[in-house]
N, C-alpha and C. Protein backbone atom coordinates (compact mmCIF):
# COMPACT_ATOMS: atom_id res chain seq x y z
N MET A 1 -9.12 277.07 -92.24
CA MET A 1 -8.92 278.33 -91.36
C MET A 1 -7.95 279.22 -92.09
N LYS A 2 -8.42 280.67 -92.21
CA LYS A 2 -7.54 281.56 -92.98
C LYS A 2 -6.45 282.02 -92.52
N THR A 3 -5.29 281.96 -93.01
CA THR A 3 -3.91 282.30 -92.64
C THR A 3 -3.90 283.93 -92.28
N ARG A 4 -3.57 284.22 -91.43
CA ARG A 4 -3.41 285.69 -90.71
C ARG A 4 -2.05 286.08 -90.89
N PRO A 5 -1.79 287.22 -91.50
CA PRO A 5 -0.51 287.62 -91.83
C PRO A 5 0.16 288.06 -90.18
N SER A 6 1.68 287.98 -90.32
CA SER A 6 2.20 288.33 -89.08
C SER A 6 2.26 289.72 -88.83
N ASN A 7 2.62 290.26 -87.63
CA ASN A 7 2.57 291.67 -87.65
C ASN A 7 3.54 292.39 -88.59
N ILE A 8 4.76 291.75 -88.64
CA ILE A 8 5.63 292.61 -89.63
C ILE A 8 5.20 292.40 -91.20
N ILE A 9 4.68 291.33 -91.33
CA ILE A 9 4.10 291.41 -92.61
C ILE A 9 2.71 292.52 -92.87
N ALA A 10 1.90 292.46 -91.97
CA ALA A 10 0.95 293.18 -91.68
C ALA A 10 1.52 294.92 -91.80
N PHE A 11 2.53 295.14 -91.29
CA PHE A 11 3.14 296.44 -91.24
C PHE A 11 3.66 296.81 -92.58
N THR A 12 4.15 295.83 -93.37
CA THR A 12 4.58 296.04 -94.64
C THR A 12 3.39 296.29 -95.61
N ILE A 13 2.14 295.57 -95.31
CA ILE A 13 1.08 295.86 -96.29
C ILE A 13 0.47 297.08 -96.12
N ALA A 14 0.60 297.57 -94.69
CA ALA A 14 -0.03 298.86 -94.24
C ALA A 14 0.76 300.15 -95.01
N PHE A 15 1.85 299.86 -94.96
CA PHE A 15 2.85 300.87 -95.59
C PHE A 15 2.47 301.07 -97.21
N ALA A 16 2.20 299.78 -97.77
CA ALA A 16 1.68 299.76 -99.26
C ALA A 16 0.33 300.56 -99.46
N ALA A 17 -0.57 300.24 -98.55
CA ALA A 17 -1.96 300.70 -98.58
C ALA A 17 -1.96 302.19 -98.35
N ALA A 18 -1.12 302.59 -97.46
CA ALA A 18 -1.01 304.23 -97.14
C ALA A 18 -0.33 304.96 -98.15
N GLY A 19 0.19 304.14 -99.36
CA GLY A 19 0.66 304.79 -100.55
C GLY A 19 2.13 305.24 -100.16
N GLN A 20 3.06 304.75 -99.29
CA GLN A 20 4.26 305.05 -99.09
C GLN A 20 5.31 304.50 -100.05
N PHE A 21 4.96 303.58 -100.94
CA PHE A 21 5.75 303.08 -101.99
C PHE A 21 5.45 303.69 -103.42
N SER A 22 6.38 303.58 -103.98
CA SER A 22 6.13 303.95 -105.71
C SER A 22 6.94 303.08 -106.37
N TYR A 23 6.17 302.30 -107.37
CA TYR A 23 6.68 301.37 -108.09
C TYR A 23 7.35 301.88 -109.42
N ALA A 24 8.26 301.09 -109.90
CA ALA A 24 9.18 301.62 -110.88
C ALA A 24 8.19 301.53 -112.25
N GLU A 25 7.01 300.77 -112.20
CA GLU A 25 6.09 300.95 -113.33
C GLU A 25 4.79 300.92 -112.79
N ASP A 26 3.63 301.66 -113.54
CA ASP A 26 2.51 301.31 -112.83
C ASP A 26 2.13 301.63 -111.60
N GLY A 27 2.53 302.81 -111.12
CA GLY A 27 2.54 303.18 -109.60
C GLY A 27 1.32 303.14 -108.80
N ALA A 28 0.19 302.85 -109.56
CA ALA A 28 -1.16 302.85 -108.79
C ALA A 28 -1.32 301.43 -108.28
N ALA A 29 -0.57 300.46 -108.70
CA ALA A 29 -0.66 298.80 -108.12
C ALA A 29 -0.59 298.89 -106.79
N SER A 30 -1.22 297.92 -106.20
CA SER A 30 -1.15 297.88 -104.83
C SER A 30 -1.51 296.39 -104.34
N LEU A 31 -1.17 296.00 -103.01
CA LEU A 31 -1.43 294.70 -102.78
C LEU A 31 -3.02 294.10 -102.70
N VAL A 32 -3.80 295.17 -102.71
CA VAL A 32 -5.39 294.83 -102.89
C VAL A 32 -5.80 294.57 -104.20
N ALA A 33 -4.92 294.73 -105.35
CA ALA A 33 -5.25 294.67 -106.75
C ALA A 33 -5.41 293.21 -107.16
N HIS A 34 -6.34 292.69 -107.91
CA HIS A 34 -6.55 291.44 -108.38
C HIS A 34 -6.45 291.58 -109.90
N VAL A 35 -5.54 291.29 -110.54
CA VAL A 35 -5.23 291.57 -111.73
C VAL A 35 -4.31 290.29 -112.45
N HIS A 36 -5.10 289.59 -113.42
CA HIS A 36 -4.23 288.42 -113.80
C HIS A 36 -2.95 288.60 -114.62
N GLY A 37 -1.97 287.80 -114.08
CA GLY A 37 -0.73 288.10 -114.70
C GLY A 37 0.20 288.91 -113.89
N LEU A 38 -0.61 289.62 -112.75
CA LEU A 38 0.12 290.36 -111.75
C LEU A 38 0.31 289.69 -110.40
N SER A 39 1.31 289.64 -109.42
CA SER A 39 1.35 289.01 -108.29
C SER A 39 2.19 290.20 -107.41
N GLU A 40 2.02 289.71 -105.98
CA GLU A 40 2.69 290.80 -105.05
C GLU A 40 3.52 290.11 -104.08
N LEU A 41 4.69 290.68 -103.74
CA LEU A 41 5.54 289.99 -102.76
C LEU A 41 5.83 291.21 -101.63
N ALA A 42 5.75 290.90 -100.43
CA ALA A 42 5.76 291.76 -99.27
C ALA A 42 6.97 291.08 -98.56
N ILE A 43 8.09 291.74 -98.32
CA ILE A 43 9.25 291.26 -97.32
C ILE A 43 9.57 292.10 -96.28
N ALA A 44 9.55 291.40 -94.98
CA ALA A 44 9.68 292.14 -93.94
C ALA A 44 10.80 291.72 -93.02
N MET A 45 11.56 292.63 -92.42
CA MET A 45 12.81 292.12 -91.54
C MET A 45 12.65 292.94 -90.47
N GLU A 46 12.78 291.95 -89.21
CA GLU A 46 12.88 292.77 -87.84
C GLU A 46 13.73 291.86 -87.03
N GLY A 47 14.55 292.54 -86.49
CA GLY A 47 15.66 291.64 -85.76
C GLY A 47 16.43 290.48 -86.28
N GLU A 48 16.14 289.33 -85.98
CA GLU A 48 16.75 288.26 -86.84
C GLU A 48 15.84 287.51 -87.81
N LYS A 49 14.35 288.10 -87.87
CA LYS A 49 13.35 287.31 -88.45
C LYS A 49 13.29 287.98 -89.84
N LEU A 50 13.05 287.11 -90.97
CA LEU A 50 12.77 287.54 -92.08
C LEU A 50 11.43 286.85 -92.55
N GLU A 51 10.47 287.61 -92.95
CA GLU A 51 9.06 286.89 -93.53
C GLU A 51 8.86 287.34 -94.94
N ILE A 52 8.42 286.59 -95.94
CA ILE A 52 8.00 286.67 -97.11
C ILE A 52 6.59 286.52 -97.46
N GLN A 53 5.74 287.42 -97.88
CA GLN A 53 4.41 286.97 -98.18
C GLN A 53 4.09 287.08 -99.69
N PHE A 54 3.55 285.98 -100.45
CA PHE A 54 3.43 285.99 -101.74
C PHE A 54 2.00 285.96 -101.92
N THR A 55 1.37 286.86 -102.88
CA THR A 55 0.04 286.91 -103.02
C THR A 55 -0.30 286.90 -104.55
N SER A 56 -1.08 285.98 -105.14
CA SER A 56 -1.34 286.05 -106.54
C SER A 56 -2.80 285.53 -106.86
N PRO A 57 -3.32 285.93 -107.80
CA PRO A 57 -4.66 285.45 -108.18
C PRO A 57 -4.32 283.97 -108.37
N ALA A 58 -5.34 283.25 -108.33
CA ALA A 58 -5.15 281.94 -108.57
C ALA A 58 -5.02 281.42 -110.01
N MET A 59 -5.74 282.45 -110.81
CA MET A 59 -5.70 282.17 -112.39
C MET A 59 -4.04 281.94 -112.69
N ASN A 60 -3.04 282.71 -112.01
CA ASN A 60 -1.75 282.64 -112.39
C ASN A 60 -1.04 281.44 -112.00
N LEU A 61 -1.58 280.64 -111.07
CA LEU A 61 -0.89 279.54 -110.56
C LEU A 61 -1.47 278.29 -111.01
N VAL A 62 -2.89 278.20 -111.12
CA VAL A 62 -3.61 276.89 -111.50
C VAL A 62 -4.45 277.09 -112.82
N GLY A 63 -4.64 278.12 -113.12
CA GLY A 63 -5.45 278.28 -114.33
C GLY A 63 -6.87 278.63 -114.18
N PHE A 64 -7.27 278.68 -112.98
CA PHE A 64 -8.74 278.88 -112.85
C PHE A 64 -8.96 279.55 -111.53
N GLU A 65 -10.14 279.97 -111.04
CA GLU A 65 -10.34 280.77 -109.97
C GLU A 65 -11.44 280.38 -109.07
N HIS A 66 -12.16 279.36 -109.59
CA HIS A 66 -13.40 278.88 -108.94
C HIS A 66 -13.05 277.57 -107.89
N GLN A 67 -13.90 277.02 -107.32
CA GLN A 67 -13.76 275.96 -106.35
C GLN A 67 -13.46 274.85 -107.31
N ALA A 68 -12.57 274.05 -106.93
CA ALA A 68 -12.10 272.87 -107.93
C ALA A 68 -13.14 271.96 -107.87
N SER A 69 -13.64 271.32 -109.14
CA SER A 69 -14.83 270.45 -109.15
C SER A 69 -14.37 269.27 -109.79
N SER A 70 -13.22 268.90 -110.02
CA SER A 70 -12.77 267.77 -110.72
C SER A 70 -11.33 267.42 -110.04
N ARG A 71 -11.17 265.81 -110.42
CA ARG A 71 -10.01 265.33 -109.81
C ARG A 71 -8.71 266.15 -110.54
N LYS A 72 -8.86 266.59 -111.75
CA LYS A 72 -7.89 267.14 -112.47
C LYS A 72 -7.58 268.38 -111.87
N GLU A 73 -8.88 269.32 -111.47
CA GLU A 73 -8.36 270.66 -110.70
C GLU A 73 -7.61 270.74 -109.44
N VAL A 74 -8.18 269.35 -108.81
CA VAL A 74 -7.59 269.31 -107.46
C VAL A 74 -6.00 269.07 -107.59
N LEU A 75 -5.64 268.07 -108.54
CA LEU A 75 -4.12 267.70 -108.82
C LEU A 75 -3.47 269.08 -109.20
N ALA A 76 -4.11 269.97 -109.91
CA ALA A 76 -3.57 271.23 -110.27
C ALA A 76 -3.15 272.14 -109.09
N ILE A 77 -4.08 272.12 -108.22
CA ILE A 77 -3.82 272.59 -106.82
C ILE A 77 -2.88 272.10 -105.87
N GLU A 78 -2.81 270.72 -106.14
CA GLU A 78 -1.70 270.05 -105.31
C GLU A 78 -0.48 270.36 -105.71
N ASN A 79 -0.34 270.51 -107.02
CA ASN A 79 0.84 270.62 -107.90
C ASN A 79 1.39 272.14 -107.58
N ALA A 80 0.44 273.19 -107.59
CA ALA A 80 0.80 274.37 -107.31
C ALA A 80 1.41 274.68 -105.71
N VAL A 81 0.67 273.81 -104.70
CA VAL A 81 0.90 273.80 -103.42
C VAL A 81 2.40 273.28 -103.43
N SER A 82 2.70 272.08 -103.93
CA SER A 82 3.94 271.40 -103.95
C SER A 82 5.05 272.20 -104.23
N MET A 83 4.92 273.12 -105.48
CA MET A 83 5.94 274.04 -106.09
C MET A 83 6.01 275.10 -105.06
N LEU A 84 4.86 275.66 -104.25
CA LEU A 84 5.15 276.94 -103.56
C LEU A 84 5.85 276.56 -102.22
N ARG A 85 5.79 275.24 -101.96
CA ARG A 85 6.75 274.78 -100.67
C ARG A 85 8.09 274.61 -100.86
N GLN A 86 8.48 274.55 -102.10
CA GLN A 86 9.96 274.38 -102.43
C GLN A 86 10.79 275.90 -102.24
N HIS A 87 10.57 276.38 -101.05
CA HIS A 87 11.06 277.71 -100.86
C HIS A 87 12.53 277.68 -101.26
N GLU A 88 13.39 276.85 -101.28
CA GLU A 88 14.79 276.90 -101.53
C GLU A 88 15.08 277.10 -103.21
N THR A 89 13.99 276.89 -103.86
CA THR A 89 13.95 277.16 -105.19
C THR A 89 13.49 278.40 -105.69
N LEU A 90 12.46 279.09 -104.75
CA LEU A 90 11.79 280.17 -105.00
C LEU A 90 12.67 281.53 -104.79
N PHE A 91 13.36 281.25 -103.69
CA PHE A 91 13.95 282.64 -103.33
C PHE A 91 15.56 282.06 -102.94
N LEU A 92 16.53 283.04 -103.31
CA LEU A 92 17.86 282.91 -103.28
C LEU A 92 18.34 284.03 -102.57
N PHE A 93 18.86 284.02 -101.45
CA PHE A 93 19.43 285.25 -100.70
C PHE A 93 20.76 285.38 -100.84
N SER A 94 21.11 286.63 -100.88
CA SER A 94 22.37 287.24 -101.02
C SER A 94 22.88 287.64 -99.50
N GLY A 95 23.83 287.03 -98.87
CA GLY A 95 24.30 287.29 -97.50
C GLY A 95 23.07 286.94 -96.55
N GLY A 96 23.38 287.17 -95.28
CA GLY A 96 22.36 287.21 -94.29
C GLY A 96 22.29 285.69 -93.49
N ARG A 97 22.77 284.68 -94.29
CA ARG A 97 22.67 283.51 -93.70
C ARG A 97 21.40 282.94 -93.09
N CYS A 98 20.31 282.95 -93.93
CA CYS A 98 18.99 282.93 -93.31
C CYS A 98 18.54 281.42 -93.49
N ASN A 99 17.89 280.86 -92.53
CA ASN A 99 17.39 279.56 -92.50
C ASN A 99 15.84 279.48 -92.47
N HIS A 100 15.56 278.60 -93.24
CA HIS A 100 13.91 278.54 -93.32
C HIS A 100 13.34 277.91 -91.98
N VAL A 101 12.13 278.39 -91.45
CA VAL A 101 11.52 278.11 -90.15
C VAL A 101 10.30 277.40 -90.57
N ASN A 102 9.34 277.98 -91.48
CA ASN A 102 8.02 277.43 -91.81
C ASN A 102 7.55 278.00 -93.03
N THR A 103 6.66 277.43 -93.57
CA THR A 103 5.82 277.99 -94.62
C THR A 103 4.20 277.58 -94.37
N SER A 104 3.54 278.64 -94.69
CA SER A 104 2.11 278.31 -94.85
C SER A 104 1.41 278.70 -96.04
N ILE A 105 0.43 278.11 -96.39
CA ILE A 105 -0.18 278.45 -97.79
C ILE A 105 -1.84 278.42 -97.69
N GLU A 106 -2.30 279.65 -98.06
CA GLU A 106 -3.65 279.67 -97.98
C GLU A 106 -4.53 279.74 -99.22
N LEU A 107 -5.46 278.65 -99.56
CA LEU A 107 -5.98 278.35 -100.65
C LEU A 107 -7.54 278.73 -100.81
N SER A 108 -7.81 279.90 -100.00
CA SER A 108 -9.33 280.01 -99.61
C SER A 108 -10.28 280.18 -100.99
N GLY A 109 -11.29 279.49 -101.05
CA GLY A 109 -12.16 279.58 -102.39
C GLY A 109 -11.77 278.50 -103.31
N LEU A 110 -10.77 278.09 -103.30
CA LEU A 110 -10.30 276.94 -104.28
C LEU A 110 -10.59 275.53 -104.18
N ILE A 111 -10.91 275.25 -102.95
CA ILE A 111 -11.06 273.63 -102.64
C ILE A 111 -11.75 273.40 -101.44
N GLU A 112 -12.53 272.45 -101.73
CA GLU A 112 -13.71 272.04 -100.65
C GLU A 112 -12.99 271.79 -99.22
N SER A 113 -13.57 271.96 -98.38
CA SER A 113 -13.26 271.74 -96.86
C SER A 113 -12.65 270.36 -96.74
N ASP A 114 -13.30 269.25 -97.33
CA ASP A 114 -12.83 267.74 -97.01
C ASP A 114 -11.39 267.63 -97.73
N ASP A 115 -11.04 268.36 -98.68
CA ASP A 115 -9.86 268.47 -99.41
C ASP A 115 -8.93 269.44 -99.12
N HIS A 116 -9.25 270.27 -98.04
CA HIS A 116 -8.46 271.51 -97.37
C HIS A 116 -7.56 271.01 -96.64
N GLU A 117 -7.72 270.12 -95.79
CA GLU A 117 -6.48 269.70 -95.03
C GLU A 117 -5.41 268.93 -95.77
N HIS A 118 -5.65 268.39 -97.03
CA HIS A 118 -4.62 267.77 -97.69
C HIS A 118 -3.96 268.91 -98.57
N ALA A 119 -4.55 269.80 -99.05
CA ALA A 119 -4.07 270.87 -99.97
C ALA A 119 -3.49 272.06 -99.21
N HIS A 120 -4.04 272.54 -98.06
CA HIS A 120 -3.65 273.69 -97.42
C HIS A 120 -2.45 273.27 -96.46
N GLN A 121 -1.34 273.78 -96.62
CA GLN A 121 -0.21 273.38 -95.92
C GLN A 121 0.31 274.44 -94.87
N GLN A 122 0.72 273.81 -93.84
CA GLN A 122 1.53 274.66 -92.63
C GLN A 122 2.43 273.92 -92.17
N SER A 123 3.79 273.85 -92.84
CA SER A 123 4.83 273.04 -92.64
C SER A 123 6.27 273.52 -92.36
N SER A 124 7.08 272.89 -91.79
CA SER A 124 8.53 273.18 -91.77
C SER A 124 9.38 272.29 -92.84
N THR A 125 10.56 272.61 -92.50
CA THR A 125 11.51 272.29 -93.55
C THR A 125 11.49 270.77 -94.02
N GLU A 126 10.94 269.95 -92.88
CA GLU A 126 11.18 268.55 -93.07
C GLU A 126 9.86 267.92 -93.83
N HIS A 127 9.02 268.77 -94.01
CA HIS A 127 7.67 268.36 -94.73
C HIS A 127 8.00 268.60 -96.36
N LYS A 128 7.91 267.36 -97.28
CA LYS A 128 7.97 267.52 -98.48
C LYS A 128 7.06 266.78 -99.37
N HIS A 129 6.72 267.26 -100.62
CA HIS A 129 5.63 266.69 -101.42
C HIS A 129 6.36 266.36 -102.80
N ASP A 130 6.16 265.39 -103.57
CA ASP A 130 6.56 265.11 -104.60
C ASP A 130 5.78 266.07 -105.78
N ASP A 131 6.43 266.72 -106.82
CA ASP A 131 5.84 267.43 -107.81
C ASP A 131 4.87 266.59 -108.46
N GLU A 132 3.53 266.98 -109.11
CA GLU A 132 2.72 266.37 -109.79
C GLU A 132 2.83 266.65 -111.31
N GLY A 133 3.69 267.56 -111.61
CA GLY A 133 3.80 267.97 -112.95
C GLY A 133 2.69 268.91 -113.31
N GLU A 134 2.97 269.66 -114.23
CA GLU A 134 1.98 270.79 -114.66
C GLU A 134 0.67 270.16 -115.27
N LYS A 135 -0.54 270.48 -114.78
CA LYS A 135 -2.10 270.13 -115.22
C LYS A 135 -2.50 271.23 -116.09
N GLU A 136 -3.12 270.69 -117.01
CA GLU A 136 -3.95 271.68 -118.04
C GLU A 136 -5.27 271.78 -117.39
N HIS A 137 -5.93 273.06 -117.50
CA HIS A 137 -7.11 273.19 -116.73
C HIS A 137 -8.28 273.27 -117.82
N GLU A 138 -9.21 272.72 -117.16
CA GLU A 138 -10.67 272.78 -118.15
C GLU A 138 -11.36 274.13 -118.37
N GLU A 139 -12.11 274.37 -119.43
CA GLU A 139 -12.84 275.60 -119.50
C GLU A 139 -14.01 275.49 -118.76
N HIS A 140 -14.11 276.64 -118.01
CA HIS A 140 -15.54 276.72 -117.18
C HIS A 140 -16.09 278.32 -117.40
N ALA A 141 -17.47 278.40 -117.25
CA ALA A 141 -17.95 279.56 -117.50
C ALA A 141 -17.33 280.61 -116.28
N PRO A 142 -17.36 281.88 -116.74
CA PRO A 142 -16.82 282.95 -116.07
C PRO A 142 -17.33 282.95 -114.64
N GLN A 143 -16.44 283.25 -113.53
CA GLN A 143 -17.08 283.19 -112.03
C GLN A 143 -17.15 284.73 -111.89
N SER A 144 -18.06 285.10 -110.74
CA SER A 144 -18.25 286.31 -110.35
C SER A 144 -17.31 286.92 -109.18
N SER A 145 -16.67 285.78 -108.78
CA SER A 145 -15.74 285.98 -107.51
C SER A 145 -14.24 285.80 -107.88
N HIS A 146 -13.35 286.30 -107.11
CA HIS A 146 -11.98 286.10 -107.33
C HIS A 146 -11.51 285.17 -106.36
N SER A 147 -10.43 284.44 -106.62
CA SER A 147 -9.63 283.92 -105.49
C SER A 147 -8.21 283.99 -105.69
N ASP A 148 -7.47 284.40 -104.39
CA ASP A 148 -6.16 284.37 -104.37
C ASP A 148 -5.57 283.30 -103.62
N VAL A 149 -4.14 283.10 -103.87
CA VAL A 149 -3.50 282.21 -103.09
C VAL A 149 -2.27 283.00 -102.40
N VAL A 150 -2.33 282.76 -101.11
CA VAL A 150 -1.43 283.35 -100.22
C VAL A 150 -0.58 282.54 -99.62
N SER A 151 0.84 282.74 -99.79
CA SER A 151 1.86 281.93 -99.07
C SER A 151 2.94 282.80 -98.36
N ASN A 152 3.11 282.22 -97.07
CA ASN A 152 3.96 282.88 -96.03
C ASN A 152 5.23 282.12 -95.74
N TYR A 153 6.39 282.64 -95.96
CA TYR A 153 7.52 282.09 -95.67
C TYR A 153 8.33 282.62 -94.49
N LYS A 154 8.73 282.00 -93.23
CA LYS A 154 9.25 282.79 -92.39
C LYS A 154 10.86 282.03 -92.19
N TYR A 155 11.75 283.04 -91.84
CA TYR A 155 13.16 282.71 -92.01
C TYR A 155 13.67 283.23 -90.56
N ARG A 156 14.81 282.69 -90.29
CA ARG A 156 15.82 283.40 -89.12
C ARG A 156 17.00 283.37 -89.66
N CYS A 157 17.57 284.66 -89.51
CA CYS A 157 18.95 284.99 -90.19
C CYS A 157 19.91 285.30 -89.10
N GLU A 158 21.22 284.72 -89.37
CA GLU A 158 22.21 284.89 -88.37
C GLU A 158 22.82 286.29 -88.37
N ASN A 159 22.62 286.88 -89.49
CA ASN A 159 23.38 288.38 -89.79
C ASN A 159 22.36 289.02 -90.71
N ILE A 160 21.04 289.35 -90.36
CA ILE A 160 20.33 289.99 -91.43
C ILE A 160 20.78 291.37 -91.86
N ALA A 161 21.79 291.90 -91.18
CA ALA A 161 22.18 293.19 -91.73
C ALA A 161 23.10 293.22 -92.90
N GLN A 162 23.59 291.77 -93.07
CA GLN A 162 24.30 291.45 -94.27
C GLN A 162 23.50 290.97 -95.49
N LEU A 163 22.41 290.76 -95.24
CA LEU A 163 21.28 290.46 -96.42
C LEU A 163 21.14 291.58 -97.33
N SER A 164 21.55 291.48 -98.50
CA SER A 164 21.59 292.69 -99.43
C SER A 164 20.45 292.50 -100.64
N ALA A 165 20.03 291.24 -100.99
CA ALA A 165 19.13 291.12 -102.09
C ALA A 165 18.53 289.68 -101.98
N VAL A 166 17.35 289.55 -102.60
CA VAL A 166 16.70 288.42 -102.76
C VAL A 166 16.33 288.21 -104.34
N THR A 167 16.68 287.10 -104.74
CA THR A 167 16.46 286.78 -106.15
C THR A 167 15.16 285.80 -106.20
N VAL A 168 14.29 286.30 -106.94
CA VAL A 168 12.89 285.59 -106.73
C VAL A 168 12.61 284.82 -108.05
N ASP A 169 12.47 283.53 -107.87
CA ASP A 169 12.30 282.57 -109.14
C ASP A 169 10.97 282.06 -109.50
N LEU A 170 9.81 282.86 -108.88
CA LEU A 170 8.68 282.30 -108.96
C LEU A 170 8.16 282.25 -110.46
N PHE A 171 8.71 283.33 -111.34
CA PHE A 171 8.62 283.38 -112.75
C PHE A 171 8.92 281.92 -113.50
N GLU A 172 9.97 281.29 -113.09
CA GLU A 172 10.62 280.29 -113.69
C GLU A 172 9.30 278.96 -113.45
N ILE A 173 8.81 279.11 -112.57
CA ILE A 173 7.93 277.90 -112.23
C ILE A 173 6.46 278.09 -112.40
N PHE A 174 5.96 279.33 -112.38
CA PHE A 174 4.45 279.93 -112.52
C PHE A 174 4.64 280.66 -114.10
N HIS A 175 4.45 280.22 -115.22
CA HIS A 175 4.43 281.04 -116.17
C HIS A 175 3.05 282.03 -116.41
N GLY A 176 2.37 281.86 -115.51
CA GLY A 176 0.97 282.92 -115.57
C GLY A 176 1.56 284.11 -115.04
N ILE A 177 2.56 284.24 -114.13
CA ILE A 177 2.94 285.52 -113.57
C ILE A 177 3.74 286.35 -114.51
N HIS A 178 3.26 287.43 -114.95
CA HIS A 178 4.12 288.34 -115.95
C HIS A 178 4.81 289.39 -115.22
N LYS A 179 4.22 289.91 -113.98
CA LYS A 179 4.68 291.10 -113.27
C LYS A 179 4.58 290.85 -111.82
N MET A 180 5.44 291.39 -111.16
CA MET A 180 5.25 291.38 -109.50
C MET A 180 5.36 292.48 -108.84
N ASN A 181 4.83 293.12 -108.26
CA ASN A 181 5.12 294.20 -107.31
C ASN A 181 5.68 293.77 -106.22
N ALA A 182 6.80 294.36 -105.79
CA ALA A 182 7.38 293.66 -104.74
C ALA A 182 7.72 294.88 -103.60
N MET A 183 7.56 294.82 -102.25
CA MET A 183 7.65 295.78 -101.30
C MET A 183 8.63 295.20 -100.09
N TRP A 184 9.38 296.07 -99.50
CA TRP A 184 10.15 295.51 -98.25
C TRP A 184 10.18 296.50 -97.19
N VAL A 185 10.30 296.23 -96.06
CA VAL A 185 10.53 297.15 -94.82
C VAL A 185 11.61 296.44 -93.96
N LYS A 186 12.58 297.10 -93.39
CA LYS A 186 13.56 296.71 -92.51
C LYS A 186 13.74 298.00 -91.46
N SER A 187 14.61 297.76 -90.64
CA SER A 187 14.76 298.77 -89.75
C SER A 187 15.10 300.25 -90.29
N MET A 188 14.59 301.23 -90.37
CA MET A 188 14.67 302.50 -90.78
C MET A 188 14.90 302.70 -92.31
N GLN A 189 14.25 301.48 -93.12
CA GLN A 189 14.40 301.51 -94.38
C GLN A 189 13.16 300.85 -95.06
N GLN A 190 12.82 301.25 -96.09
CA GLN A 190 11.74 300.66 -96.91
C GLN A 190 11.72 300.91 -98.38
N GLY A 191 11.46 300.17 -99.24
CA GLY A 191 11.54 300.15 -100.63
C GLY A 191 10.63 299.31 -101.34
N ALA A 192 10.77 299.42 -102.84
CA ALA A 192 9.88 298.67 -103.54
C ALA A 192 10.49 298.47 -105.01
N ALA A 193 9.92 297.36 -105.76
CA ALA A 193 10.63 297.33 -106.95
C ALA A 193 9.30 296.37 -107.80
N THR A 194 9.53 296.74 -109.09
CA THR A 194 8.67 295.83 -110.14
C THR A 194 9.57 294.81 -110.62
N LEU A 195 9.13 293.44 -110.57
CA LEU A 195 10.01 292.45 -110.83
C LEU A 195 9.25 291.75 -112.20
N THR A 196 9.96 291.22 -112.94
CA THR A 196 9.44 290.68 -114.24
C THR A 196 10.49 289.53 -114.57
N PRO A 197 9.94 288.54 -115.56
CA PRO A 197 10.98 287.32 -115.71
C PRO A 197 12.42 287.80 -116.08
N ASN A 198 12.96 289.03 -116.47
CA ASN A 198 14.13 289.27 -116.84
C ASN A 198 14.67 290.32 -115.84
N GLN A 199 13.93 290.72 -114.71
CA GLN A 199 14.48 291.44 -113.62
C GLN A 199 13.79 290.90 -112.33
N ARG A 200 14.64 289.82 -111.68
CA ARG A 200 13.83 289.12 -110.59
C ARG A 200 14.76 289.44 -109.40
N ILE A 201 15.32 290.45 -109.15
CA ILE A 201 16.22 290.73 -107.93
C ILE A 201 15.54 291.76 -107.12
N VAL A 202 15.36 291.71 -105.89
CA VAL A 202 15.02 292.79 -105.05
C VAL A 202 16.23 293.14 -104.25
N GLU A 203 16.61 294.39 -104.38
CA GLU A 203 17.70 294.71 -103.79
C GLU A 203 17.46 295.47 -102.38
N PHE A 204 17.96 295.54 -101.10
CA PHE A 204 17.62 296.22 -100.27
C PHE A 204 18.57 297.33 -99.78
N ARG A 205 18.24 298.48 -100.67
CA ARG A 205 19.06 299.70 -100.37
C ARG A 205 18.28 300.74 -100.82
């Protein structure tokens, strides 16, 4: 079943689609773009809730975009899912005292339904998987369709007003990501930033 974005994440995406944000580079980029090497990050804050949605072409994470056709490719997907589940290494918060509530990961188009229950994750902090290590991908003929991976992270913050920034370490884990367009929304404020391996901080100001 396809993961549906929460109301506040959908609100963030709606802002982007309406052209309310301008990026530091390549201002025409948006959440609907499918460009290899480029990923998207939407951050929404409402009350004590914080939600982060990460969207990336599958190519950036597993090295292919077609449905997995071998055990090697299934292992590559499982490895990516395992790493995406490690929220504590992906996002470092400055202030706010935010605690992870749950994570959901959507792999539409990458894996058969029989394997989907194993690779598709909707879990809380006590659910952990061991890393499988990086997997090399096999060469395949070009595909006519594109596949995205979407992961959603929900947090509850004790003092969200004190949350000043998020450091994003996805570049360290997925070397296929070269640039990330990030946008954020909170009460009476919104903003955007272009992240790179050398600039990984989203500041809320």
